[in-house]
Protein backbone atom coordinates (compact mmCIF):
# COMPACT_ATOMS: atom_id res chain seq x y z
CA GLY A 1 0.00 0.00 0.00
CA LYS A 2 0.92 3.65 -0.08
CA VAL A 3 1.85 5.51 3.07
CA LYS A 4 1.23 9.25 3.31
CA ARG A 5 4.21 11.21 4.56
CA ALA A 6 3.25 13.18 7.66
CA GLY A 7 2.64 16.85 6.99
CA THR A 8 3.19 16.64 3.24
CA ASP A 9 1.43 15.26 0.22
CA ARG A 10 4.49 13.24 -0.80
CA LEU A 11 4.18 9.49 -0.93
CA ARG A 12 6.59 7.14 0.77
CA PHE A 13 7.50 4.38 -1.62
CA GLU A 14 7.15 0.97 -0.01
CA ASN A 15 7.63 -1.29 -2.96
CA LEU A 16 8.81 0.02 -6.31
CA GLN A 17 7.48 -3.05 -8.10
CA GLU A 18 3.92 -2.28 -7.06
CA ILE A 19 3.77 1.50 -7.12
CA ILE A 20 2.72 3.65 -10.00
CA ASP A 21 2.77 7.23 -8.77
CA ASP A 22 2.52 10.53 -10.66
CA GLY A 23 2.00 8.52 -13.85
CA ILE A 24 5.44 6.91 -13.50
CA ASP A 25 5.69 3.16 -13.85
CA PHE A 26 8.70 2.11 -11.80
CA SER A 27 8.73 -1.29 -13.47
CA SER A 28 10.51 0.59 -16.29
CA LEU A 29 13.70 0.20 -14.23
CA GLU A 30 13.59 -3.55 -14.60
CA ILE A 31 16.04 -5.51 -16.73
CA LYS A 32 14.78 -6.31 -20.23
CA GLU A 33 15.64 -9.41 -22.21
CA THR A 34 16.90 -7.47 -25.24
CA LEU A 35 18.54 -4.14 -26.03
CA SER A 36 16.15 -1.34 -27.08
CA PRO A 37 14.59 -2.34 -30.43
CA ASP A 38 14.25 1.40 -31.19
CA ILE A 39 17.95 1.65 -31.99
CA TRP A 40 19.32 -1.92 -32.02
CA GLU A 41 18.94 -4.95 -34.24
CA ALA A 42 20.01 -7.77 -31.93
CA ASP A 43 23.30 -6.37 -30.58
CA GLN A 44 24.18 -4.28 -33.65
CA LEU A 45 23.32 -0.60 -33.71
CA LYS A 46 21.04 0.33 -36.63
CA VAL A 47 23.07 1.99 -39.40
CA GLU A 48 20.80 5.05 -39.63
CA VAL A 49 21.05 5.53 -35.83
CA SER A 50 24.83 5.33 -35.90
CA ASP A 51 24.99 7.84 -38.80
CA GLN A 52 22.69 10.31 -37.06
CA LEU A 53 24.52 10.11 -33.72
CA ARG A 54 27.91 10.65 -35.39
CA GLN A 55 26.42 13.70 -37.13
CA VAL A 56 25.15 15.08 -33.80
CA ALA A 57 28.65 14.70 -32.30
CA SER A 58 30.23 16.40 -35.32
CA ASP A 59 27.70 19.28 -35.20
CA PHE A 60 28.37 19.78 -31.49
CA ILE A 61 32.15 20.04 -31.99
CA ASP A 62 31.64 22.37 -35.00
CA SER A 63 29.43 24.62 -32.86
CA LEU A 64 32.39 25.20 -30.51
CA GLY A 65 34.63 26.41 -33.33
CA LEU A 66 37.46 24.18 -32.12
CA GLU A 67 39.93 22.43 -34.41
CA VAL A 68 40.10 19.07 -32.68
CA ASN A 69 40.37 15.43 -33.66
CA ILE A 70 37.55 13.29 -32.30
CA LYS A 71 39.22 10.13 -30.98
CA ASP A 72 35.98 8.19 -30.58
CA ILE A 73 32.27 8.58 -29.93
CA PHE A 74 30.76 6.26 -27.33
CA LEU A 75 27.15 5.30 -26.83
CA VAL A 76 26.76 4.61 -23.10
CA GLY A 77 24.08 4.37 -20.41
CA SER A 78 20.82 2.48 -20.30
CA MET A 79 20.22 2.69 -24.06
CA ALA A 80 23.37 0.58 -24.47
CA ALA A 81 22.27 -1.79 -21.70
CA TYR A 82 19.30 -3.88 -20.65
CA ASN A 83 17.61 -1.35 -18.31
CA TRP A 84 16.39 0.98 -21.08
CA SER A 85 12.88 2.38 -20.99
CA LYS A 86 10.77 4.98 -22.76
CA TYR A 87 12.32 7.55 -20.36
CA SER A 88 15.93 6.74 -21.30
CA ALA A 89 18.08 9.33 -23.04
CA ILE A 90 20.58 8.31 -25.71
CA ASP A 91 23.88 9.38 -24.12
CA ILE A 92 26.83 9.94 -26.44
CA HIS A 93 30.30 10.72 -25.11
CA ILE A 94 32.69 12.46 -27.49
CA VAL A 95 36.26 11.43 -26.67
CA LEU A 96 38.97 14.07 -27.18
CA ASP A 97 42.63 14.28 -26.21
CA PHE A 98 42.56 17.29 -23.88
CA ASN A 99 46.36 17.58 -24.14
CA GLU A 100 45.94 18.61 -27.80
CA ILE A 101 43.87 21.63 -26.69
CA SER A 102 45.27 22.81 -23.36
CA GLN A 103 47.32 21.66 -20.37
CA ASP A 104 44.63 23.03 -18.03
CA LYS A 105 42.34 20.00 -17.94
CA GLU A 106 40.14 21.31 -15.13
CA LEU A 107 39.37 24.46 -17.12
CA LEU A 108 38.58 22.33 -20.19
CA LYS A 109 36.25 20.10 -18.17
CA LYS A 110 34.34 23.18 -16.97
CA TYR A 111 34.23 24.61 -20.49
CA PHE A 112 32.86 21.40 -22.02
CA ARG A 113 30.40 20.94 -19.16
CA LEU A 114 28.93 24.40 -19.79
CA ALA A 115 29.01 23.90 -23.57
CA LYS A 116 27.16 20.58 -23.41
CA THR A 117 24.54 22.00 -20.99
CA LYS A 118 23.91 24.91 -23.36
CA TRP A 119 23.80 22.58 -26.40
CA ASN A 120 21.47 20.04 -24.78
CA ARG A 121 19.15 22.90 -23.73
CA SER A 122 19.25 24.73 -27.09
CA TYR A 123 18.90 21.75 -29.41
CA ASP A 124 16.07 19.47 -28.41
CA ILE A 125 17.36 16.48 -30.40
CA LYS A 126 15.24 13.34 -30.27
CA LEU A 127 15.66 9.97 -31.95
CA TYR A 128 12.73 7.55 -31.88
CA GLY A 129 11.25 9.50 -28.96
CA HIS A 130 14.48 9.47 -26.89
CA ASP A 131 16.39 12.65 -26.01
CA VAL A 132 19.95 12.68 -27.36
CA GLU A 133 22.38 14.01 -24.72
CA VAL A 134 25.95 15.00 -25.62
CA TYR A 135 28.94 14.81 -23.24
CA VAL A 136 32.69 15.32 -23.70
CA GLU A 137 35.37 13.23 -22.04
CA ASP A 138 39.15 13.12 -22.10
CA VAL A 139 40.88 10.12 -23.65
CA GLU A 140 42.64 9.63 -20.28
CA ASP A 141 39.44 9.67 -18.17
CA GLU A 142 38.74 6.59 -16.10
CA ARG A 143 35.61 4.97 -17.46
CA ILE A 144 32.71 3.88 -15.27
CA PRO A 145 32.08 0.11 -15.58
CA SER A 146 29.11 -0.06 -17.91
CA ALA A 147 28.07 -0.88 -21.46
CA VAL A 148 30.08 1.12 -24.03
CA TYR A 149 29.62 0.96 -27.81
CA SER A 150 31.99 2.74 -30.19
CA LEU A 151 30.14 4.63 -32.95
CA MET A 152 33.36 5.20 -34.89
CA ARG A 153 34.52 1.60 -34.83
CA GLU A 154 30.98 0.23 -34.81
CA GLU A 155 31.84 -2.34 -32.16
CA TRP A 156 31.42 -2.96 -28.44
CA ILE A 157 34.13 -1.70 -26.09
CA SER A 158 32.41 -3.40 -23.16
CA GLN A 159 29.10 -5.18 -23.09
CA VAL A 160 26.81 -5.91 -20.13
CA ASN A 161 25.17 -9.32 -20.06
CA SER A 162 21.53 -9.29 -18.93
CA GLU A 163 21.81 -12.65 -17.18
CA GLY A 164 22.16 -12.57 -13.43
CA LEU A 165 21.31 -8.86 -13.16
CA THR A 166 18.87 -8.15 -10.37
CA ILE A 167 17.48 -5.04 -8.72
CA ASP A 168 17.62 -4.68 -4.94
CA TYR A 169 14.17 -3.08 -4.64
CA GLU A 170 14.39 -2.75 -0.86
CA GLY A 171 17.80 -1.05 -1.07
CA VAL A 172 16.71 1.33 -3.83
CA THR A 173 13.51 2.21 -1.96
CA LYS A 174 15.50 2.98 1.21
CA LYS A 175 17.80 5.36 -0.68
CA VAL A 176 14.87 7.06 -2.45
CA ASN A 177 13.13 7.66 0.91
CA GLU A 178 16.33 9.04 2.48
CA LYS A 179 16.72 11.60 -0.29
CA ILE A 180 13.02 12.56 -0.27
CA ASN A 181 13.33 13.20 3.50
CA GLU A 182 16.26 15.55 2.85
CA ILE A 183 14.37 17.37 0.09
CA ASP A 184 11.38 17.71 2.48
CA GLU A 185 13.77 19.29 5.01
CA LEU A 186 14.86 21.78 2.35
CA HIS A 187 11.19 22.56 1.62
CA THR A 188 10.52 23.17 5.35
CA LEU A 189 13.43 25.63 5.63
CA TYR A 190 12.18 27.51 2.56
CA GLU A 191 8.61 27.69 3.89
CA LYS A 192 9.92 29.03 7.23
CA GLY A 193 11.64 31.84 5.33
CA GLU A 194 15.13 30.64 6.30
CA TYR A 195 16.38 31.25 2.77
CA GLU A 196 20.12 31.31 3.43
CA GLU A 197 19.98 27.98 5.30
CA ALA A 198 17.75 26.53 2.57
CA PHE A 199 20.14 27.68 -0.16
CA ASP A 200 23.18 26.21 1.63
CA LEU A 201 21.38 22.92 2.32
CA GLY A 202 20.10 22.75 -1.27
CA LYS A 203 23.59 23.24 -2.72
CA ARG A 204 25.03 20.57 -0.42
CA LEU A 205 22.18 18.22 -1.24
CA ARG A 206 22.63 18.70 -4.98
CA GLU A 207 26.34 17.89 -4.65
CA LYS A 208 25.54 14.85 -2.47
CA VAL A 209 23.09 13.49 -5.05
CA ARG A 210 25.69 13.93 -7.82
CA ASN A 211 28.43 12.20 -5.79
CA PHE A 212 25.99 9.54 -4.58
CA ARG A 213 25.11 8.59 -8.15
CA ARG A 214 28.70 8.80 -9.39
CA GLY A 215 29.91 6.59 -6.52
CA GLY A 216 27.29 3.96 -7.31
CA LEU A 217 28.16 3.98 -11.00
CA GLU A 218 31.89 3.66 -10.33
CA ARG A 219 31.40 0.85 -7.84
CA GLU A 220 28.66 -1.26 -9.42
CA GLY A 221 27.71 0.39 -12.71
CA GLU A 222 24.26 1.08 -14.16
CA PHE A 223 22.44 -1.27 -11.79
CA SER A 224 23.80 0.16 -8.53
CA ASN A 225 21.18 1.12 -5.94
CA GLU A 226 22.37 4.72 -6.10
CA ASN A 227 21.99 5.05 -9.87
CA LEU A 228 18.54 3.44 -9.83
CA ALA A 229 17.47 5.65 -6.90
CA PHE A 230 18.66 8.70 -8.88
CA LYS A 231 16.49 7.61 -11.82
CA VAL A 232 13.46 7.18 -9.56
CA LEU A 233 14.00 10.65 -8.03
CA ARG A 234 14.37 12.19 -11.48
CA ARG A 235 11.20 10.58 -12.79
CA SER A 236 9.18 11.34 -9.67
CA GLY A 237 9.99 15.06 -10.03
CA ASP A 238 11.84 15.22 -6.69
CA LEU A 239 15.12 16.37 -8.28
CA ASP A 240 13.23 19.18 -10.05
CA ARG A 241 11.62 20.04 -6.71
CA MET A 242 15.07 20.23 -5.07
CA ASN A 243 16.48 22.45 -7.83
CA GLU A 244 13.43 24.72 -7.67
CA TYR A 245 13.91 25.33 -3.92
CA VAL A 246 17.61 26.10 -4.46
CA LYS A 247 16.72 28.66 -7.14
CA LYS A 248 13.85 30.24 -5.18
CA SER A 249 15.92 30.41 -1.96
CA TYR A 250 18.71 32.20 -3.83
CA ILE A 251 16.28 34.78 -5.28
CA GLU A 252 14.68 35.43 -1.87
CA MET A 253 18.09 35.62 -0.18
CA ARG A 254 19.32 38.20 -2.71
CA SER A 255 16.19 40.34 -2.41
CA GLU A 256 16.49 40.32 1.43
CA ARG A 257 20.09 41.55 1.20
CA GLU A 258 19.16 44.33 -1.21
């Protein structure tokens, strides 16, 4: 059953397998028997998909006005694995040798992070109903253990087998509830008018969620409890709720100071 959270209209998730809330079917997290038929034929990427994704990567690099050699273009994430769903984005990682551009790798990382955020926001690129998200990585970056398909070589770099993959529903649920509690705390601070405290908590919470997901991916890959909990929070709208409170707290804080 569903348990109401005291004092709020949020729902506490008891069992992800049973709950459909806010129009979100959490069974979409489950492992499928095949790769997404939208873009794959068996375990080969459809030719037209590969062509279009390479073009997107090329257009992105051209938009930066940089003379760089693309070392590879990787298709990663759930659309390269067995936990795809209608919500999944097609994530492509453009691999560059940062040393060919600048010795300041941290500055380059920030530059590409901002560039890809602007690009993904400006160009609403979809393929078979899936958003196409562009990222940039350095050839020397350590790669998270997950499915990786090379669009340039048209072959698998690493493939995830669907057999033996299971979801720890209890563990994921526990992590989802922990984060919702923290977001509720942020909401309470905002409602009390404690905008500075809300803003500080919101920033810390946002960083925690990022690190929490990254840690899970690095340790156990796509099917880690942390990554699945992140997906649930994103689909339930709780991450948007968190970001909204951070933004609103900042605006209120600034207007109080002025």
